[in-house]
Amino acid sequence: MTARIYRPARTAMQSGTAKTERWLLEYEPEAPRQIEPLMGWTSSSDMKSQLKLWFDSEAEAVAYATRNGIPYRVEQPNDPKRRSISYSDNFKFSRVGQWTH
C-alpha cells in the first residue's frame, strides 16, 4: 500500500495561511468503498485509510516512511501566486481598457 506525502492546501473558507505549513502522510485506498446492502451506507475494509500522520517538514515524513519500509510518493505543493494591484490603478489615464459605467 502506497503512502502519499503532501502539504494540504488551505480551504476555501480560509484567507490566511494557518495550518498549511505541516506535511501529511496518508495511505491511498487499496480497494474501493462498498455500499452496504441493508442501510445503503458506504463502508471499507481498509483500516489504513483512516490513518493520518502529521509532520513538521517533508524530510521528517520521508524519513518516517523509509524507516518503516512504507512505499511513498511525495506531492510538491502549488503555492498561490499573489498579484499586487492597487485600487487606484482602476482610474489611471493610461489604463488599457476604459473605465465606464
C-alpha atoms as a PDB file:
ATOM      1  CA  MET A   1       0.000   0.000   0.000  1.00  0.00           C
ATOM      2  CA  THR A   2       1.475   3.306  -1.121  1.00  0.00           C
ATOM      3  CA  ALA A   3       1.507   6.322   1.154  1.00  0.00           C
ATOM      4  CA  ARG A   4       1.025   9.852  -0.107  1.00  0.00           C
ATOM      5  CA  ILE A   5       3.065  12.659   1.452  1.00  0.00           C
ATOM      6  CA  TYR A   6       1.805  16.156   0.750  1.00  0.00           C
ATOM      7  CA  ARG A   7       1.156  19.563   2.252  1.00  0.00           C
ATOM      8  CA  PRO A   8      -2.604  20.171   2.299  1.00  0.00           C
ATOM      9  CA  ALA A   9      -3.930  23.299   0.646  1.00  0.00           C
ATOM     10  CA  ARG A  10      -5.930  25.781   2.634  1.00  0.00           C
ATOM     11  CA  THR A  11      -9.692  25.502   2.472  1.00  0.00           C
ATOM     12  CA  ALA A  12     -11.818  27.958   0.534  1.00  0.00           C
ATOM     13  CA  MET A  13     -13.027  29.470   3.800  1.00  0.00           C
ATOM     14  CA  GLN A  14      -9.516  30.440   4.928  1.00  0.00           C
ATOM     15  CA  SER A  15      -7.952  33.708   3.949  1.00  0.00           C
ATOM     16  CA  GLY A  16      -4.726  33.161   5.878  1.00  0.00           C
ATOM     17  CA  THR A  17      -2.043  30.516   5.753  1.00  0.00           C
ATOM     18  CA  ALA A  18      -2.670  28.891   9.138  1.00  0.00           C
ATOM     19  CA  LYS A  19      -2.396  25.096   9.270  1.00  0.00           C
ATOM     20  CA  THR A  20      -0.803  24.865   5.825  1.00  0.00           C
ATOM     21  CA  GLU A  21       2.842  24.524   6.874  1.00  0.00           C
ATOM     22  CA  ARG A  22       2.655  20.917   8.090  1.00  0.00           C
ATOM     23  CA  TRP A  23       3.021  17.809   5.926  1.00  0.00           C
ATOM     24  CA  LEU A  24       0.567  14.917   5.922  1.00  0.00           C
ATOM     25  CA  LEU A  25       1.218  11.223   5.318  1.00  0.00           C
ATOM     26  CA  GLU A  26      -1.850   9.190   4.464  1.00  0.00           C
ATOM     27  CA  TYR A  27      -2.376   5.891   2.727  1.00  0.00           C
ATOM     28  CA  GLU A  28      -4.055   5.521  -0.626  1.00  0.00           C
ATOM     29  CA  PRO A  29      -7.051   3.161  -0.591  1.00  0.00           C
ATOM     30  CA  GLU A  30      -6.364  -0.449  -1.594  1.00  0.00           C
ATOM     31  CA  ALA A  31      -9.927  -1.284  -2.520  1.00  0.00           C
ATOM     32  CA  PRO A  32     -12.905   0.881  -3.463  1.00  0.00           C
ATOM     33  CA  ARG A  33     -15.641   1.566  -0.969  1.00  0.00           C
ATOM     34  CA  GLN A  34     -18.625  -0.775  -0.983  1.00  0.00           C
ATOM     35  CA  ILE A  35     -22.270   0.026  -0.491  1.00  0.00           C
ATOM     36  CA  GLU A  36     -23.783  -1.875   2.406  1.00  0.00           C
ATOM     37  CA  PRO A  37     -26.983  -3.505   1.069  1.00  0.00           C
ATOM     38  CA  LEU A  38     -29.259  -3.121   4.104  1.00  0.00           C
ATOM     39  CA  MET A  39     -28.813   0.533   5.037  1.00  0.00           C
ATOM     40  CA  GLY A  40     -27.076   1.860   1.917  1.00  0.00           C
ATOM     41  CA  TRP A  41     -24.049   3.162   3.810  1.00  0.00           C
ATOM     42  CA  THR A  42     -20.625   3.116   2.247  1.00  0.00           C
ATOM     43  CA  SER A  43     -18.006   1.055   4.001  1.00  0.00           C
ATOM     44  CA  SER A  44     -14.456  -0.087   3.552  1.00  0.00           C
ATOM     45  CA  SER A  45     -12.440  -2.954   4.980  1.00  0.00           C
ATOM     46  CA  ASP A  46      -9.251  -0.925   4.632  1.00  0.00           C
ATOM     47  CA  MET A  47      -8.218   0.333   8.079  1.00  0.00           C
ATOM     48  CA  LYS A  48      -5.096   2.166   6.912  1.00  0.00           C
ATOM     49  CA  SER A  49      -7.213   4.696   5.037  1.00  0.00           C
ATOM     50  CA  GLN A  50      -8.240   6.112   8.431  1.00  0.00           C
ATOM     51  CA  LEU A  51      -4.647   6.802   9.435  1.00  0.00           C
ATOM     52  CA  LYS A  52      -3.271  10.340   9.053  1.00  0.00           C
ATOM     53  CA  LEU A  53       0.171  11.298  10.337  1.00  0.00           C
ATOM     54  CA  TRP A  54       1.242  14.943  10.570  1.00  0.00           C
ATOM     55  CA  PHE A  55       4.876  16.067  10.305  1.00  0.00           C
ATOM     56  CA  ASP A  56       6.552  19.455  10.613  1.00  0.00           C
ATOM     57  CA  SER A  57       8.640  19.006   7.462  1.00  0.00           C
ATOM     58  CA  GLU A  58       8.785  16.935   4.300  1.00  0.00           C
ATOM     59  CA  ALA A  59      12.099  15.406   5.372  1.00  0.00           C
ATOM     60  CA  GLU A  60      10.572  14.062   8.594  1.00  0.00           C
ATOM     61  CA  ALA A  61       7.724  12.414   6.689  1.00  0.00           C
ATOM     62  CA  VAL A  62      10.083  10.830   4.157  1.00  0.00           C
ATOM     63  CA  ALA A  63      12.381   9.618   6.947  1.00  0.00           C
ATOM     64  CA  TYR A  64       9.442   8.023   8.760  1.00  0.00           C
ATOM     65  CA  ALA A  65       8.289   6.241   5.597  1.00  0.00           C
ATOM     66  CA  THR A  66      11.738   4.894   4.753  1.00  0.00           C
ATOM     67  CA  ARG A  67      12.419   3.879   8.368  1.00  0.00           C
ATOM     68  CA  ASN A  68       9.199   1.826   8.466  1.00  0.00           C
ATOM     69  CA  GLY A  69       9.530   0.426   4.942  1.00  0.00           C
ATOM     70  CA  ILE A  70       6.456   2.200   3.584  1.00  0.00           C
ATOM     71  CA  PRO A  71       6.456   2.886  -0.168  1.00  0.00           C
ATOM     72  CA  TYR A  72       5.595   6.541  -0.689  1.00  0.00           C
ATOM     73  CA  ARG A  73       5.260   9.313  -3.217  1.00  0.00           C
ATOM     74  CA  VAL A  74       5.756  12.991  -2.482  1.00  0.00           C
ATOM     75  CA  GLU A  75       3.490  15.633  -3.997  1.00  0.00           C
ATOM     76  CA  GLN A  76       5.027  19.100  -4.019  1.00  0.00           C
ATOM     77  CA  PRO A  77       2.645  21.934  -3.084  1.00  0.00           C
ATOM     78  CA  ASN A  78       1.464  24.516  -5.587  1.00  0.00           C
ATOM     79  CA  ASP A  79       1.925  27.834  -3.841  1.00  0.00           C
ATOM     80  CA  PRO A  80      -0.549  30.523  -4.921  1.00  0.00           C
ATOM     81  CA  LYS A  81       0.799  33.366  -6.993  1.00  0.00           C
ATOM     82  CA  ARG A  82      -0.104  36.678  -5.423  1.00  0.00           C
ATOM     83  CA  ARG A  83      -0.796  39.635  -7.686  1.00  0.00           C
ATOM     84  CA  SER A  84      -0.206  43.010  -6.144  1.00  0.00           C
ATOM     85  CA  ILE A  85      -2.535  45.553  -7.693  1.00  0.00           C
ATOM     86  CA  SER A  86      -3.623  48.892  -6.406  1.00  0.00           C
ATOM     87  CA  TYR A  87      -7.167  50.192  -6.262  1.00  0.00           C
ATOM     88  CA  SER A  88      -6.042  53.486  -7.762  1.00  0.00           C
ATOM     89  CA  ASP A  89      -4.859  51.638 -10.896  1.00  0.00           C
ATOM     90  CA  ASN A  90      -8.526  51.301 -11.885  1.00  0.00           C
ATOM     91  CA  PHE A  91      -8.724  55.072 -12.504  1.00  0.00           C
ATOM     92  CA  LYS A  92      -5.432  55.728 -14.323  1.00  0.00           C
ATOM     93  CA  PHE A  93      -5.467  57.694 -17.578  1.00  0.00           C
ATOM     94  CA  SER A  94      -3.033  55.182 -19.082  1.00  0.00           C
ATOM     95  CA  ARG A  95      -5.311  52.218 -18.338  1.00  0.00           C
ATOM     96  CA  VAL A  96      -5.642  49.757 -21.253  1.00  0.00           C
ATOM     97  CA  GLY A  97      -9.428  49.363 -21.010  1.00  0.00           C
ATOM     98  CA  GLN A  98     -11.608  52.388 -20.443  1.00  0.00           C
ATOM     99  CA  TRP A  99     -13.332  52.623 -17.081  1.00  0.00           C
ATOM    100  CA  THR A 100     -17.002  53.381 -17.699  1.00  0.00           C
ATOM    101  CA  HIS A 101     -20.328  52.518 -16.170  1.00  0.00           C
END
